[in-house]
Structure formats: structure tokens, C-alpha cells
Amino acid sequence: EVHTLRYWEKEFPQYLKPTRTAGGQRRYRPEDISSILQIKRLLKDEMFSIAGARRALRIETERSYS
């Protein structure tokens, strides 16, 4: 849902930053889609809270840079 994506953009700004056209439309890049799917998995499938999902994403990001 559109309202869900907008909410997630506010709650997960470091992971979800779609680019915008000159007219202000959002353009989701492949890395944005990947983040959306990760956030959806954590919140909907694994039943994490927003704070828990942020922590899990941070840990996953730290592991990928290690």
C-alpha cells in the first residue's frame, strides 16, 4: 500500500531513500526494493516491532560491512 511505503520511508530513512523525478514522483531503485522486502519480512512475517526491525536492519548492515 502507498501509505505503508510512505510510513516506512519516515521510519527507516537510512534504508529507504527513493529518488524523485523533477515532478516529485518517487522512483524506487533495486536497492530500495530490496530494503522494502527486508522491512516487510521483518514486520509482517517475523512480527518485529518498528524498533526491533531497525535493530535487525542495523545488525544486518554491520555484518555486511564486516
N, C-alpha and C. Protein backbone atom coordinates (compact mmCIF):
# COMPACT_ATOMS: atom_id res chain seq x y z
N GLU A 1 0.83 -1.19 0.00
CA GLU A 1 0.00 0.00 0.00
C GLU A 1 0.88 1.26 0.00
N VAL A 2 0.39 2.27 -0.68
CA VAL A 2 1.14 3.53 -0.78
C VAL A 2 1.38 4.14 0.60
N HIS A 3 0.35 4.18 1.45
CA HIS A 3 0.52 4.80 2.76
C HIS A 3 1.54 4.03 3.61
N THR A 4 1.64 2.74 3.42
CA THR A 4 2.63 1.94 4.15
C THR A 4 4.03 2.30 3.70
N LEU A 5 4.24 2.42 2.41
CA LEU A 5 5.56 2.80 1.90
C LEU A 5 5.97 4.18 2.43
N ARG A 6 5.04 5.13 2.44
CA ARG A 6 5.35 6.47 2.93
C ARG A 6 5.74 6.41 4.41
N TYR A 7 5.01 5.63 5.17
CA TYR A 7 5.31 5.47 6.60
C TYR A 7 6.69 4.85 6.79
N TRP A 8 6.99 3.81 6.03
CA TRP A 8 8.29 3.16 6.15
C TRP A 8 9.42 4.10 5.75
N GLU A 9 9.18 4.97 4.78
CA GLU A 9 10.20 5.96 4.40
C GLU A 9 10.54 6.85 5.59
N LYS A 10 9.54 7.20 6.39
CA LYS A 10 9.77 8.04 7.58
C LYS A 10 10.44 7.25 8.70
N GLU A 11 10.05 6.00 8.87
CA GLU A 11 10.57 5.18 9.97
C GLU A 11 11.94 4.58 9.69
N PHE A 12 12.27 4.38 8.42
CA PHE A 12 13.53 3.74 8.04
C PHE A 12 14.29 4.60 7.01
N PRO A 13 14.54 5.88 7.33
CA PRO A 13 15.12 6.77 6.31
C PRO A 13 16.53 6.37 5.87
N GLN A 14 17.29 5.72 6.72
CA GLN A 14 18.64 5.31 6.34
C GLN A 14 18.65 4.10 5.40
N TYR A 15 17.54 3.40 5.29
CA TYR A 15 17.46 2.21 4.45
C TYR A 15 16.56 2.38 3.23
N LEU A 16 15.71 3.36 3.26
CA LEU A 16 14.72 3.53 2.20
C LEU A 16 14.69 4.98 1.74
N LYS A 17 15.40 5.25 0.64
CA LYS A 17 15.52 6.62 0.12
C LYS A 17 15.27 6.62 -1.39
N PRO A 18 14.02 6.57 -1.81
CA PRO A 18 13.76 6.60 -3.25
C PRO A 18 14.18 7.94 -3.85
N THR A 19 14.64 7.90 -5.08
CA THR A 19 14.95 9.14 -5.77
C THR A 19 13.64 9.76 -6.22
N ARG A 20 13.70 11.02 -6.61
CA ARG A 20 12.49 11.71 -7.07
C ARG A 20 12.73 12.34 -8.43
N THR A 21 11.69 12.34 -9.21
CA THR A 21 11.75 12.98 -10.51
C THR A 21 11.61 14.49 -10.30
N ALA A 22 11.79 15.24 -11.37
CA ALA A 22 11.62 16.69 -11.29
C ALA A 22 10.21 17.05 -10.82
N GLY A 23 9.25 16.22 -11.14
CA GLY A 23 7.86 16.44 -10.73
C GLY A 23 7.54 15.94 -9.33
N GLY A 24 8.52 15.34 -8.65
CA GLY A 24 8.34 14.88 -7.28
C GLY A 24 7.90 13.44 -7.13
N GLN A 25 7.76 12.71 -8.22
CA GLN A 25 7.37 11.29 -8.12
C GLN A 25 8.53 10.46 -7.60
N ARG A 26 8.22 9.48 -6.78
CA ARG A 26 9.25 8.60 -6.25
C ARG A 26 9.64 7.56 -7.30
N ARG A 27 10.93 7.27 -7.34
CA ARG A 27 11.47 6.22 -8.21
C ARG A 27 12.26 5.27 -7.31
N TYR A 28 11.79 4.06 -7.22
CA TYR A 28 12.44 3.06 -6.36
C TYR A 28 13.50 2.31 -7.16
N ARG A 29 14.72 2.35 -6.64
CA ARG A 29 15.85 1.65 -7.25
C ARG A 29 15.85 0.20 -6.75
N PRO A 30 16.63 -0.67 -7.38
CA PRO A 30 16.69 -2.06 -6.91
C PRO A 30 17.05 -2.18 -5.42
N GLU A 31 17.95 -1.33 -4.94
CA GLU A 31 18.32 -1.40 -3.52
C GLU A 31 17.16 -0.95 -2.62
N ASP A 32 16.31 -0.04 -3.12
CA ASP A 32 15.11 0.34 -2.36
C ASP A 32 14.13 -0.83 -2.28
N ILE A 33 13.95 -1.51 -3.39
CA ILE A 33 13.05 -2.67 -3.42
C ILE A 33 13.55 -3.74 -2.46
N SER A 34 14.86 -3.97 -2.44
CA SER A 34 15.45 -4.94 -1.52
C SER A 34 15.16 -4.54 -0.07
N SER A 35 15.33 -3.26 0.24
CA SER A 35 15.05 -2.78 1.60
C SER A 35 13.57 -2.94 1.95
N ILE A 36 12.70 -2.64 1.01
CA ILE A 36 11.26 -2.80 1.24
C ILE A 36 10.93 -4.25 1.57
N LEU A 37 11.50 -5.16 0.82
CA LEU A 37 11.24 -6.58 1.06
C LEU A 37 11.79 -7.02 2.41
N GLN A 38 12.96 -6.51 2.80
CA GLN A 38 13.52 -6.84 4.12
C GLN A 38 12.63 -6.29 5.23
N ILE A 39 12.21 -5.05 5.10
CA ILE A 39 11.36 -4.43 6.11
C ILE A 39 10.03 -5.19 6.21
N LYS A 40 9.46 -5.52 5.07
CA LYS A 40 8.20 -6.27 5.07
C LYS A 40 8.38 -7.63 5.77
N ARG A 41 9.47 -8.32 5.46
CA ARG A 41 9.72 -9.62 6.09
C ARG A 41 9.82 -9.48 7.60
N LEU A 42 10.57 -8.49 8.05
CA LEU A 42 10.76 -8.30 9.49
C LEU A 42 9.46 -7.93 10.20
N LEU A 43 8.70 -7.02 9.61
CA LEU A 43 7.49 -6.54 10.27
C LEU A 43 6.31 -7.49 10.13
N LYS A 44 6.10 -8.03 8.95
CA LYS A 44 4.90 -8.83 8.69
C LYS A 44 5.10 -10.32 8.97
N ASP A 45 6.25 -10.86 8.50
CA ASP A 45 6.47 -12.30 8.64
C ASP A 45 7.05 -12.66 10.00
N GLU A 46 8.04 -11.88 10.45
CA GLU A 46 8.72 -12.20 11.70
C GLU A 46 8.15 -11.44 12.90
N MET A 47 7.18 -10.57 12.64
CA MET A 47 6.44 -9.85 13.68
C MET A 47 7.32 -8.97 14.58
N PHE A 48 8.35 -8.36 14.00
CA PHE A 48 9.18 -7.42 14.74
C PHE A 48 8.40 -6.13 14.93
N SER A 49 8.74 -5.40 15.99
CA SER A 49 8.24 -4.03 16.14
C SER A 49 9.08 -3.14 15.21
N ILE A 50 8.69 -1.89 15.06
CA ILE A 50 9.47 -0.96 14.25
C ILE A 50 10.89 -0.86 14.83
N ALA A 51 10.99 -0.67 16.13
CA ALA A 51 12.31 -0.55 16.77
C ALA A 51 13.12 -1.84 16.58
N GLY A 52 12.48 -2.97 16.72
CA GLY A 52 13.16 -4.25 16.53
C GLY A 52 13.64 -4.43 15.10
N ALA A 53 12.81 -4.01 14.15
CA ALA A 53 13.20 -4.11 12.74
C ALA A 53 14.38 -3.19 12.45
N ARG A 54 14.38 -1.98 13.03
CA ARG A 54 15.53 -1.08 12.86
C ARG A 54 16.81 -1.73 13.37
N ARG A 55 16.72 -2.33 14.57
CA ARG A 55 17.90 -3.01 15.15
C ARG A 55 18.37 -4.13 14.25
N ALA A 56 17.44 -4.95 13.77
CA ALA A 56 17.80 -6.08 12.92
C ALA A 56 18.44 -5.60 11.62
N LEU A 57 17.92 -4.55 11.03
CA LEU A 57 18.50 -4.00 9.80
C LEU A 57 19.89 -3.45 10.07
N ARG A 58 20.07 -2.76 11.20
CA ARG A 58 21.38 -2.23 11.56
C ARG A 58 22.39 -3.37 11.72
N ILE A 59 21.99 -4.43 12.39
CA ILE A 59 22.88 -5.58 12.59
C ILE A 59 23.23 -6.22 11.25
N GLU A 60 22.24 -6.41 10.38
CA GLU A 60 22.49 -6.99 9.06
C GLU A 60 23.43 -6.10 8.25
N THR A 61 23.26 -4.79 8.35
CA THR A 61 24.13 -3.86 7.63
C THR A 61 25.55 -3.93 8.16
N GLU A 62 25.70 -3.97 9.49
CA GLU A 62 27.03 -4.06 10.09
C GLU A 62 27.72 -5.35 9.68
N ARG A 63 27.00 -6.44 9.62
CA ARG A 63 27.59 -7.73 9.21
C ARG A 63 28.06 -7.68 7.76
N SER A 64 27.30 -7.02 6.91
CA SER A 64 27.66 -6.99 5.50
C SER A 64 28.90 -6.12 5.26
N TYR A 65 29.18 -5.18 6.18
CA TYR A 65 30.36 -4.33 6.02
C TYR A 65 31.56 -4.87 6.77
N SER A 66 31.37 -5.94 7.53
CA SER A 66 32.47 -6.53 8.30
C SER A 66 33.28 -7.50 7.48
